[in-house]
Every structure is written in structure tokens, then in C-alpha cells.
C-alpha atoms as a PDB file:
ATOM      1  CA  MET A   1      11.227 117.472-125.990  1.00  0.00           C
ATOM      2  CA  ARG A   2       8.574 114.167-126.790  1.00  0.00           C
ATOM      3  CA  LEU A   3       9.312 113.789-130.176  1.00  0.00           C
ATOM      4  CA  GLY A   4       7.719 111.126-132.621  1.00  0.00           C
ATOM      5  CA  CYS A   5       5.310 109.557-135.144  1.00  0.00           C
ATOM      6  CA  HIS A   6       2.360 107.337-136.491  1.00  0.00           C
ATOM      7  CA  LEU A   7       3.202 103.742-136.038  1.00  0.00           C
ATOM      8  CA  SER A   8       1.137 100.494-136.442  1.00  0.00           C
ATOM      9  CA  ILE A   9       0.791  98.108-133.874  1.00  0.00           C
ATOM     10  CA  ALA A  10      -0.320  95.370-136.087  1.00  0.00           C
ATOM     11  CA  LYS A  11       2.401  93.194-134.659  1.00  0.00           C
ATOM     12  CA  GLY A  12       2.145  94.134-131.456  1.00  0.00           C
ATOM     13  CA  LEU A  13       2.999  97.095-128.899  1.00  0.00           C
ATOM     14  CA  SER A  14       6.285  95.391-128.668  1.00  0.00           C
ATOM     15  CA  LYS A  15       7.059  95.089-131.515  1.00  0.00           C
ATOM     16  CA  SER A  16       6.018  99.265-132.429  1.00  0.00           C
ATOM     17  CA  ALA A  17       8.504 100.214-129.046  1.00  0.00           C
ATOM     18  CA  GLN A  18      11.048  98.546-131.003  1.00  0.00           C
ATOM     19  CA  MET A  19      10.292 100.491-134.107  1.00  0.00           C
ATOM     20  CA  ALA A  20      10.207 103.940-132.524  1.00  0.00           C
ATOM     21  CA  LYS A  21      13.632 102.953-131.254  1.00  0.00           C
ATOM     22  CA  GLU A  22      14.947 101.963-133.967  1.00  0.00           C
ATOM     23  CA  ILE A  23      13.969 105.164-135.426  1.00  0.00           C
ATOM     24  CA  GLN A  24      14.942 107.600-131.769  1.00  0.00           C
ATOM     25  CA  ALA A  25      11.172 108.592-131.568  1.00  0.00           C
ATOM     26  CA  ASN A  26      10.404 108.886-127.666  1.00  0.00           C
ATOM     27  CA  THR A  27       6.562 108.813-128.329  1.00  0.00           C
ATOM     28  CA  PHE A  28       4.264 107.639-130.775  1.00  0.00           C
ATOM     29  CA  GLN A  29       0.581 107.816-132.212  1.00  0.00           C
ATOM     30  CA  PHE A  30      -0.995 104.779-133.478  1.00  0.00           C
ATOM     31  CA  PHE A  31      -4.506 103.546-135.047  1.00  0.00           C
ATOM     32  CA  THR A  32      -6.652 101.601-132.200  1.00  0.00           C
ATOM     33  CA  ARG A  33      -8.363  99.918-134.968  1.00  0.00           C
ATOM     34  CA  ASN A  34      -8.625  99.683-138.624  1.00  0.00           C
ATOM     35  CA  PRO A  35      -8.215 103.089-140.300  1.00  0.00           C
ATOM     36  CA  ARG A  36     -10.754 102.466-142.751  1.00  0.00           C
ATOM     37  CA  GLY A  37     -13.366 100.198-140.795  1.00  0.00           C
ATOM     38  CA  GLY A  38     -14.050  98.891-137.553  1.00  0.00           C
ATOM     39  CA  ALA A  39     -12.113  96.200-136.187  1.00  0.00           C
ATOM     40  CA  ALA A  40      -9.871  95.984-133.831  1.00  0.00           C
ATOM     41  CA  ARG A  41      -6.821  94.067-132.835  1.00  0.00           C
ATOM     42  CA  THR A  42      -7.225  91.770-129.595  1.00  0.00           C
ATOM     43  CA  ILE A  43      -4.459  92.981-127.220  1.00  0.00           C
ATOM     44  CA  SER A  44      -4.042  90.141-124.647  1.00  0.00           C
ATOM     45  CA  GLU A  45      -3.325  90.658-120.957  1.00  0.00           C
ATOM     46  CA  LYS A  46       0.038  88.851-121.797  1.00  0.00           C
ATOM     47  CA  GLU A  47       1.142  91.554-124.249  1.00  0.00           C
ATOM     48  CA  ILE A  48      -0.042  94.159-122.120  1.00  0.00           C
ATOM     49  CA  GLU A  49       1.959  93.310-119.111  1.00  0.00           C
ATOM     50  CA  GLY A  50       5.360  92.474-121.571  1.00  0.00           C
ATOM     51  CA  TRP A  51       4.099  96.265-123.011  1.00  0.00           C
ATOM     52  CA  LYS A  52       4.142  98.049-120.061  1.00  0.00           C
ATOM     53  CA  GLU A  53       8.183  97.237-119.030  1.00  0.00           C
ATOM     54  CA  ILE A  54       9.598  97.603-122.492  1.00  0.00           C
ATOM     55  CA  ARG A  55       7.380 101.275-122.855  1.00  0.00           C
ATOM     56  CA  VAL A  56       9.194 101.878-119.325  1.00  0.00           C
ATOM     57  CA  ASN A  57      12.255 100.594-119.852  1.00  0.00           C
ATOM     58  CA  GLU A  58      12.572 102.511-122.820  1.00  0.00           C
ATOM     59  CA  LYS A  59      11.440 105.741-122.034  1.00  0.00           C
ATOM     60  CA  LEU A  60       8.127 106.018-124.565  1.00  0.00           C
ATOM     61  CA  SER A  61       5.810 108.396-123.273  1.00  0.00           C
ATOM     62  CA  PRO A  62       3.707 110.059-123.690  1.00  0.00           C
ATOM     63  CA  ILE A  63       1.446 106.877-125.738  1.00  0.00           C
ATOM     64  CA  VAL A  64      -1.674 108.231-129.039  1.00  0.00           C
ATOM     65  CA  GLY A  65      -4.331 106.598-129.745  1.00  0.00           C
ATOM     66  CA  HIS A  66      -5.950 107.637-132.654  1.00  0.00           C
ATOM     67  CA  LEU A  67      -9.528 106.584-133.802  1.00  0.00           C
ATOM     68  CA  PRO A  68      -9.891 105.862-137.082  1.00  0.00           C
ATOM     69  CA  TYR A  69     -11.662 108.088-139.779  1.00  0.00           C
ATOM     70  CA  THR A  70     -14.799 105.709-139.903  1.00  0.00           C
ATOM     71  CA  VAL A  71     -15.687 107.397-136.759  1.00  0.00           C
ATOM     72  CA  ASN A  72     -18.180 109.752-137.122  1.00  0.00           C
ATOM     73  CA  LEU A  73     -19.803 111.493-133.878  1.00  0.00           C
ATOM     74  CA  ALA A  74     -21.494 113.573-135.637  1.00  0.00           C
ATOM     75  CA  ALA A  75     -22.829 111.950-138.216  1.00  0.00           C
ATOM     76  CA  PRO A  76     -27.127 112.524-138.667  1.00  0.00           C
ATOM     77  CA  LYS A  77     -27.849 109.031-139.717  1.00  0.00           C
ATOM     78  CA  ASP A  78     -28.697 106.924-136.518  1.00  0.00           C
ATOM     79  CA  ASN A  79     -26.265 103.611-137.036  1.00  0.00           C
ATOM     80  CA  ILE A  80     -22.988 105.677-137.699  1.00  0.00           C
ATOM     81  CA  HIS A  81     -23.639 107.870-135.148  1.00  0.00           C
ATOM     82  CA  SER A  82     -24.014 104.442-132.674  1.00  0.00           C
ATOM     83  CA  PHE A  83     -21.607 102.841-134.295  1.00  0.00           C
ATOM     84  CA  ALA A  84     -19.316 106.238-133.165  1.00  0.00           C
ATOM     85  CA  THR A  85     -20.322 106.253-130.301  1.00  0.00           C
ATOM     86  CA  ASN A  86     -19.822 102.662-128.838  1.00  0.00           C
ATOM     87  CA  VAL A  87     -16.229 103.004-130.880  1.00  0.00           C
ATOM     88  CA  LEU A  88     -15.544 105.907-128.416  1.00  0.00           C
ATOM     89  CA  LEU A  89     -16.093 104.010-125.547  1.00  0.00           C
ATOM     90  CA  ASP A  90     -15.015 101.057-126.241  1.00  0.00           C
ATOM     91  CA  ASP A  91     -11.580 102.427-127.283  1.00  0.00           C
ATOM     92  CA  LEU A  92     -10.918 104.919-124.449  1.00  0.00           C
ATOM     93  CA  VAL A  93     -11.334 101.665-122.208  1.00  0.00           C
ATOM     94  CA  ARG A  94      -8.777  99.561-124.604  1.00  0.00           C
ATOM     95  CA  MET A  95      -6.532 102.418-123.945  1.00  0.00           C
ATOM     96  CA  ASP A  96      -6.622 102.895-120.452  1.00  0.00           C
ATOM     97  CA  LYS A  97      -5.715  99.447-120.286  1.00  0.00           C
ATOM     98  CA  ILE A  98      -2.398  99.845-122.141  1.00  0.00           C
ATOM     99  CA  LYS A  99      -1.974 103.165-120.318  1.00  0.00           C
ATOM    100  CA  ALA A 100      -2.364 105.158-123.226  1.00  0.00           C
ATOM    101  CA  GLU A 101      -2.045 108.640-122.062  1.00  0.00           C
ATOM    102  CA  PHE A 102      -4.354 110.464-124.609  1.00  0.00           C
ATOM    103  CA  LEU A 103      -7.290 108.941-127.400  1.00  0.00           C
ATOM    104  CA  VAL A 104      -7.586 111.705-130.493  1.00  0.00           C
ATOM    105  CA  VAL A 105     -10.470 111.873-132.318  1.00  0.00           C
ATOM    106  CA  HIS A 106     -11.901 113.985-135.046  1.00  0.00           C
ATOM    107  CA  PRO A 107     -14.511 116.123-134.031  1.00  0.00           C
ATOM    108  CA  GLY A 108     -16.897 114.634-136.874  1.00  0.00           C
ATOM    109  CA  SER A 109     -18.930 115.928-140.405  1.00  0.00           C
ATOM    110  CA  HIS A 110     -22.223 117.204-140.206  1.00  0.00           C
ATOM    111  CA  VAL A 111     -22.638 115.604-143.765  1.00  0.00           C
ATOM    112  CA  GLY A 112     -24.709 118.721-144.970  1.00  0.00           C
ATOM    113  CA  GLU A 113     -26.988 118.788-141.922  1.00  0.00           C
ATOM    114  CA  GLY A 114     -25.694 121.972-140.590  1.00  0.00           C
ATOM    115  CA  ARG A 115     -22.794 122.895-138.104  1.00  0.00           C
ATOM    116  CA  GLU A 116     -25.474 123.621-135.217  1.00  0.00           C
ATOM    117  CA  ALA A 117     -27.097 119.725-135.448  1.00  0.00           C
ATOM    118  CA  GLY A 118     -23.682 118.763-135.982  1.00  0.00           C
ATOM    119  CA  ILE A 119     -22.540 119.863-132.778  1.00  0.00           C
ATOM    120  CA  LYS A 120     -25.756 118.592-131.276  1.00  0.00           C
ATOM    121  CA  ARG A 121     -25.081 115.418-132.299  1.00  0.00           C
ATOM    122  CA  ILE A 122     -21.202 115.125-130.909  1.00  0.00           C
ATOM    123  CA  LEU A 123     -22.617 116.229-127.609  1.00  0.00           C
ATOM    124  CA  LYS A 124     -25.285 113.241-127.627  1.00  0.00           C
ATOM    125  CA  ALA A 125     -22.108 111.156-128.727  1.00  0.00           C
ATOM    126  CA  LEU A 126     -20.188 112.281-125.762  1.00  0.00           C
ATOM    127  CA  GLU A 127     -22.727 112.128-123.386  1.00  0.00           C
ATOM    128  CA  ASN A 128     -22.753 107.984-124.233  1.00  0.00           C
ATOM    129  CA  SER A 129     -19.054 107.348-123.996  1.00  0.00           C
ATOM    130  CA  TYR A 130     -16.994 109.829-123.163  1.00  0.00           C
ATOM    131  CA  LEU A 131     -19.023 111.295-119.963  1.00  0.00           C
ATOM    132  CA  LYS A 132     -19.732 107.260-118.444  1.00  0.00           C
ATOM    133  CA  PHE A 133     -15.513 106.615-118.883  1.00  0.00           C
ATOM    134  CA  HIS A 134     -14.007 106.544-115.505  1.00  0.00           C
ATOM    135  CA  GLY A 135     -10.296 105.996-116.384  1.00  0.00           C
ATOM    136  CA  GLU A 136      -7.425 107.715-116.800  1.00  0.00           C
ATOM    137  CA  THR A 137      -6.628 108.145-120.615  1.00  0.00           C
ATOM    138  CA  ASN A 138      -7.704 111.406-121.651  1.00  0.00           C
ATOM    139  CA  LEU A 139      -9.753 112.241-124.433  1.00  0.00           C
ATOM    140  CA  LEU A 140      -8.210 114.664-127.250  1.00  0.00           C
ATOM    141  CA  LEU A 141     -10.776 116.645-130.159  1.00  0.00           C
ATOM    142  CA  GLU A 142      -8.283 117.963-133.010  1.00  0.00           C
ATOM    143  CA  ALA A 143      -8.606 120.871-134.746  1.00  0.00           C
ATOM    144  CA  MET A 144      -9.304 120.574-138.430  1.00  0.00           C
ATOM    145  CA  ALA A 145      -8.770 122.567-141.403  1.00  0.00           C
ATOM    146  CA  GLY A 146     -11.873 123.559-141.706  1.00  0.00           C
ATOM    147  CA  GLN A 147     -12.986 121.317-145.713  1.00  0.00           C
ATOM    148  CA  GLY A 148     -16.258 120.737-146.342  1.00  0.00           C
ATOM    149  CA  SER A 149     -18.829 120.050-143.548  1.00  0.00           C
ATOM    150  CA  GLU A 150     -16.519 119.261-140.830  1.00  0.00           C
ATOM    151  CA  ILE A 151     -16.564 120.183-137.442  1.00  0.00           C
ATOM    152  CA  GLY A 152     -13.627 121.033-135.907  1.00  0.00           C
ATOM    153  CA  THR A 153     -12.618 124.928-135.690  1.00  0.00           C
ATOM    154  CA  LEU A 154     -11.441 126.256-132.337  1.00  0.00           C
ATOM    155  CA  LEU A 155     -14.921 127.927-131.729  1.00  0.00           C
ATOM    156  CA  ASP A 156     -16.689 124.731-132.677  1.00  0.00           C
ATOM    157  CA  ILE A 157     -13.924 122.877-129.844  1.00  0.00           C
ATOM    158  CA  LYS A 158     -14.473 125.902-127.450  1.00  0.00           C
ATOM    159  CA  GLU A 159     -18.179 125.321-127.871  1.00  0.00           C
ATOM    160  CA  ILE A 160     -18.625 121.819-127.248  1.00  0.00           C
ATOM    161  CA  MET A 161     -15.895 121.575-124.420  1.00  0.00           C
ATOM    162  CA  GLU A 162     -18.394 124.167-122.522  1.00  0.00           C
ATOM    163  CA  ALA A 163     -20.899 122.286-123.288  1.00  0.00           C
ATOM    164  CA  VAL A 164     -19.964 119.329-121.386  1.00  0.00           C
ATOM    165  CA  GLY A 165     -18.521 121.093-118.718  1.00  0.00           C
ATOM    166  CA  LYS A 166     -14.647 121.252-119.555  1.00  0.00           C
ATOM    167  CA  PRO A 167     -14.269 118.055-117.484  1.00  0.00           C
ATOM    168  CA  GLU A 168     -10.244 117.917-116.842  1.00  0.00           C
ATOM    169  CA  GLY A 169      -9.711 114.390-118.859  1.00  0.00           C
ATOM    170  CA  LEU A 170     -10.777 116.309-122.376  1.00  0.00           C
ATOM    171  CA  GLY A 171      -7.870 118.574-124.139  1.00  0.00           C
ATOM    172  CA  ILE A 172      -7.217 119.615-127.816  1.00  0.00           C
ATOM    173  CA  CYS A 173      -4.852 117.917-130.208  1.00  0.00           C
ATOM    174  CA  LEU A 174      -3.530 120.734-132.947  1.00  0.00           C
ATOM    175  CA  ASP A 175      -2.266 119.723-136.195  1.00  0.00           C
ATOM    176  CA  THR A 176       0.501 122.556-137.847  1.00  0.00           C
ATOM    177  CA  CYS A 177      -0.986 121.840-141.370  1.00  0.00           C
ATOM    178  CA  HIS A 178      -4.541 122.304-140.340  1.00  0.00           C
ATOM    179  CA  LEU A 179      -3.738 125.538-138.161  1.00  0.00           C
ATOM    180  CA  PHE A 180      -2.049 126.609-141.362  1.00  0.00           C
ATOM    181  CA  ALA A 181      -4.791 125.791-143.576  1.00  0.00           C
ATOM    182  CA  ALA A 182      -6.909 127.267-141.097  1.00  0.00           C
ATOM    183  CA  GLY A 183      -5.328 130.461-141.704  1.00  0.00           C
ATOM    184  CA  TYR A 184      -2.876 130.527-138.506  1.00  0.00           C
ATOM    185  CA  ASP A 185       0.281 131.829-141.084  1.00  0.00           C
ATOM    186  CA  LEU A 186       2.928 129.752-138.770  1.00  0.00           C
ATOM    187  CA  THR A 187       5.776 131.231-140.621  1.00  0.00           C
ATOM    188  CA  LYS A 188       5.197 134.671-138.808  1.00  0.00           C
ATOM    189  CA  ALA A 189       5.868 135.364-135.212  1.00  0.00           C
ATOM    190  CA  ASP A 190       2.571 137.932-134.898  1.00  0.00           C
ATOM    191  CA  GLU A 191       0.716 134.861-136.007  1.00  0.00           C
ATOM    192  CA  ILE A 192       1.931 132.461-133.692  1.00  0.00           C
ATOM    193  CA  LYS A 193       1.352 135.092-130.900  1.00  0.00           C
ATOM    194  CA  ARG A 194      -2.233 135.448-132.141  1.00  0.00           C
ATOM    195  CA  LEU A 195      -2.932 131.580-132.155  1.00  0.00           C
ATOM    196  CA  LEU A 196      -1.180 131.498-128.151  1.00  0.00           C
ATOM    197  CA  GLU A 197      -3.792 134.371-127.809  1.00  0.00           C
ATOM    198  CA  ASP A 198      -6.585 132.725-129.178  1.00  0.00           C
ATOM    199  CA  LEU A 199      -5.715 129.328-127.541  1.00  0.00           C
ATOM    200  CA  GLU A 200      -5.695 130.843-124.419  1.00  0.00           C
ATOM    201  CA  ASP A 201      -8.970 133.011-124.342  1.00  0.00           C
ATOM    202  CA  LEU A 202     -11.254 130.012-125.839  1.00  0.00           C
ATOM    203  CA  PHE A 203     -10.106 127.205-123.656  1.00  0.00           C
ATOM    204  CA  GLY A 204      -6.452 128.101-121.761  1.00  0.00           C
ATOM    205  CA  ILE A 205      -3.218 126.673-123.495  1.00  0.00           C
ATOM    206  CA  ASN A 206      -2.938 124.056-120.427  1.00  0.00           C
ATOM    207  CA  LYS A 207      -5.724 122.011-122.287  1.00  0.00           C
ATOM    208  CA  VAL A 208      -3.805 121.324-125.821  1.00  0.00           C
ATOM    209  CA  LYS A 209      -1.944 118.247-125.015  1.00  0.00           C
ATOM    210  CA  ALA A 210      -0.613 117.023-128.199  1.00  0.00           C
ATOM    211  CA  PHE A 211       0.589 118.482-131.568  1.00  0.00           C
ATOM    212  CA  HIS A 212       0.385 116.843-135.204  1.00  0.00           C
ATOM    213  CA  LEU A 213       3.588 117.843-136.503  1.00  0.00           C
ATOM    214  CA  ASN A 214       2.864 118.208-140.693  1.00  0.00           C
ATOM    215  CA  ASP A 215       4.149 120.632-143.128  1.00  0.00           C
ATOM    216  CA  SER A 216       1.341 121.586-145.701  1.00  0.00           C
ATOM    217  CA  LYS A 217       0.849 120.711-149.040  1.00  0.00           C
ATOM    218  CA  TYR A 218      -1.388 123.637-149.741  1.00  0.00           C
ATOM    219  CA  PRO A 219      -1.188 127.626-149.184  1.00  0.00           C
ATOM    220  CA  LEU A 220      -2.184 129.657-146.556  1.00  0.00           C
ATOM    221  CA  GLY A 221      -5.975 129.501-145.986  1.00  0.00           C
ATOM    222  CA  SER A 222      -6.910 126.720-148.037  1.00  0.00           C
ATOM    223  CA  LYS A 223      -9.067 124.900-145.745  1.00  0.00           C
ATOM    224  CA  LYS A 224      -7.505 121.667-147.076  1.00  0.00           C
ATOM    225  CA  ASP A 225      -6.070 119.036-144.808  1.00  0.00           C
ATOM    226  CA  ARG A 226      -2.977 117.913-147.249  1.00  0.00           C
ATOM    227  CA  HIS A 227      -0.023 117.003-145.271  1.00  0.00           C
ATOM    228  CA  GLU A 228       3.041 117.267-146.902  1.00  0.00           C
ATOM    229  CA  LEU A 229       7.028 115.824-146.050  1.00  0.00           C
ATOM    230  CA  ILE A 230       8.179 118.268-143.576  1.00  0.00           C
ATOM    231  CA  GLY A 231      10.367 121.445-145.501  1.00  0.00           C
ATOM    232  CA  LYS A 232       8.944 120.472-148.168  1.00  0.00           C
ATOM    233  CA  GLY A 233       5.353 122.025-147.955  1.00  0.00           C
ATOM    234  CA  TYR A 234       4.462 125.590-147.658  1.00  0.00           C
ATOM    235  CA  LEU A 235       4.918 125.855-143.889  1.00  0.00           C
ATOM    236  CA  LYS A 236       9.135 125.238-143.992  1.00  0.00           C
ATOM    237  CA  LYS A 237      11.656 124.768-141.398  1.00  0.00           C
ATOM    238  CA  GLU A 238      10.755 128.670-140.557  1.00  0.00           C
ATOM    239  CA  GLY A 239       6.940 127.431-139.926  1.00  0.00           C
ATOM    240  CA  LEU A 240       7.642 124.626-137.623  1.00  0.00           C
ATOM    241  CA  LEU A 241       9.983 125.708-136.005  1.00  0.00           C
ATOM    242  CA  ASN A 242       8.106 128.380-134.303  1.00  0.00           C
ATOM    243  CA  VAL A 243       5.779 125.719-132.765  1.00  0.00           C
ATOM    244  CA  LEU A 244       8.277 123.099-131.753  1.00  0.00           C
ATOM    245  CA  CYS A 245      10.205 126.721-130.294  1.00  0.00           C
ATOM    246  CA  GLN A 246       7.322 128.115-128.243  1.00  0.00           C
ATOM    247  CA  PRO A 247       7.405 127.913-124.531  1.00  0.00           C
ATOM    248  CA  ALA A 248       4.040 127.552-124.141  1.00  0.00           C
ATOM    249  CA  PHE A 249       4.397 123.867-126.247  1.00  0.00           C
ATOM    250  CA  LYS A 250       8.100 122.832-124.572  1.00  0.00           C
ATOM    251  CA  ASN A 251       5.552 119.900-122.553  1.00  0.00           C
ATOM    252  CA  ILE A 252       3.687 118.601-125.316  1.00  0.00           C
ATOM    253  CA  PRO A 253       4.277 115.492-127.735  1.00  0.00           C
ATOM    254  CA  PHE A 254       4.555 116.438-131.419  1.00  0.00           C
ATOM    255  CA  ILE A 255       3.797 113.789-133.584  1.00  0.00           C
ATOM    256  CA  LEU A 256       4.817 113.097-137.322  1.00  0.00           C
ATOM    257  CA  GLU A 257       1.364 112.272-139.587  1.00  0.00           C
ATOM    258  CA  THR A 258       3.398 113.291-143.043  1.00  0.00           C
ATOM    259  CA  PRO A 259       3.131 110.694-146.237  1.00  0.00           C
ATOM    260  CA  VAL A 260       6.232 108.664-145.980  1.00  0.00           C
ATOM    261  CA  LYS A 261       6.861 105.499-147.890  1.00  0.00           C
ATOM    262  CA  ASN A 262       7.793 103.767-144.635  1.00  0.00           C
ATOM    263  CA  TYR A 263       8.915 104.058-141.047  1.00  0.00           C
ATOM    264  CA  LEU A 264      12.262 104.732-141.476  1.00  0.00           C
ATOM    265  CA  GLU A 265      11.579 107.970-143.242  1.00  0.00           C
ATOM    266  CA  TYR A 266      10.258 109.255-140.251  1.00  0.00           C
ATOM    267  CA  GLY A 267      13.476 108.247-138.320  1.00  0.00           C
ATOM    268  CA  GLU A 268      15.036 110.940-141.108  1.00  0.00           C
ATOM    269  CA  GLU A 269      12.547 113.572-140.668  1.00  0.00           C
ATOM    270  CA  ILE A 270      13.253 113.424-136.847  1.00  0.00           C
ATOM    271  CA  LYS A 271      16.801 113.562-137.048  1.00  0.00           C
ATOM    272  CA  LEU A 272      15.844 116.590-139.332  1.00  0.00           C
ATOM    273  CA  ILE A 273      14.028 118.299-137.026  1.00  0.00           C
ATOM    274  CA  ARG A 274      16.550 117.898-133.616  1.00  0.00           C
ATOM    275  CA  SER A 275      19.229 118.966-136.388  1.00  0.00           C
ATOM    276  CA  TRP A 276      17.413 122.391-136.890  1.00  0.00           C
ATOM    277  CA  LEU A 277      16.868 122.325-133.292  1.00  0.00           C
ATOM    278  CA  GLU A 278      20.340 122.226-132.487  1.00  0.00           C
ATOM    279  CA  GLU A 279      21.412 124.863-134.887  1.00  0.00           C
ATOM    280  CA  ASN A 280      18.652 127.253-133.383  1.00  0.00           C
ATOM    281  CA  PHE A 281      19.664 126.640-130.069  1.00  0.00           C
ATOM    282  CA  LYS A 282      23.539 127.050-130.408  1.00  0.00           C
END
């Protein structure tokens, strides 16, 4: 199983690889630039060459970049929309240079302009960024919890994918907290079955390329995107194991985004999850 967490690359990719090894993660995710702004650190050719060797030696795969929250592909204001479009294309190129397999983006928020208008803006952004990109990094649209004016239900993503022709390199990132908040009770076997059927019917399970593994601070159907520590929220051990043990997801990386105080706490969660899996398969 590919199990990891969200790490910082502020001190370089090689340092991030060391952190992953320390907590026994074999995959990891990072923000491609400042999560609350637009600044991106320069990744030199020398750093990239060293990184490529280290990730092979440490068997780190896949590597997942995550765009900052300030990127809003559905933004109604032209300057914000142009910024999002340019950042998306720029970061696809940057991730391709370091051979990151995936780049995750939140589809966006229509900011009160309505779902239809928001989706049109997302499509325009993808047309001027992703569809002009010819590298190997896959772009993943993250399925959201459904709060406020955000776009990102499974139906939203289906519509977006179909509108751009369902390109091979465009996939989906799921999140256990978001799915639970959106109304899928992952603690129940029949609800897991419903999720799998919906995924297959809407775009094919093969389009799901990554999973964010988080417990939920709020109850089922809350529409609130509030992550909780593993086993401490409403999903608990049962709900998380139902997802982790699904054969359909066996080749998908699971990335922790729980509200830890430092990356070493991710190590404790990884250890806990692996103990659950060992018990489950005895």
C-alpha cells in the first residue's frame, strides 16, 4: 500500500524525502507554492537531479503536488481567474520537471455567481492551461464536501470531464472527509457499494488516482470540510478501513491531511493505520 502524508518542501525535495523516510511514508504530497499566496520557490536543476536519485533509492511513489487554496479556476473576476489559469499551467510544467505523477487542484468556487457560470469559468481555465500542457503529470480534480459556493461534487466533475473530452491525464482525487460530509456514510458497507457504483457510472473508477485520508470533525452530510485526526472523528476506524480495504482502491496512494502539529505526528498515524490493516487481514 502507498501510504503517506502532506509534507513541506520549503527546505528542498531531498529534505522532504528524509522526512518521509523518518515516518515510514512511501508517498507524499506537498503544496506547489505558498498555500495562502502565490509565491513559488525555485527548484534548481541540481536539486531536481539529486531528488530523482533519492526518490528511486527510497522507493517514493507517487509524488503529489497540490495547488494553493488561492487558485480559483471558477473565479468570476478576470484578474483572479487569469492568475489561477497561469498558476495551473506553470505548476503543471514545474511538476513535470520533477517527475511528480499528480497535481491536485480544487475545482473552484463560483462566489455567488451560480454553478453553471462557475463551471464555464473552470472550463475556460482548463482550455487555457491544462489542454495546452503536453507533459506527463496528471491533473486531478478534487471532489469537495459541497460547502458554500464551491464546485466539486462528483456530478460537477463528471460534467467538467466530459466537456473537455475526458483526456487520459485528467483524473480525480477523493477525500474520505469530503465524501462523508457530502453524504456517503463510509462506515456502512452498502454505502461503500453505492460510492463505487456512482464512481463507475459517472466516469469510471479508473479515473480515481489518489485519496486524501482524513477523519471528519462533523457528522454525516454536514457539507463541512473539517478534517480530524485519524480515529478521532465521525468516520473512526471502521469508516476509514472500509475505504482502505477496498480492492478497487488497492493501487491508489492514500495521503494524510489531518490537523497534526508537526510531521512526526503523521508517523504515529501511519503506524496506527498499518496496525489496523494488519489486524484486519489476520
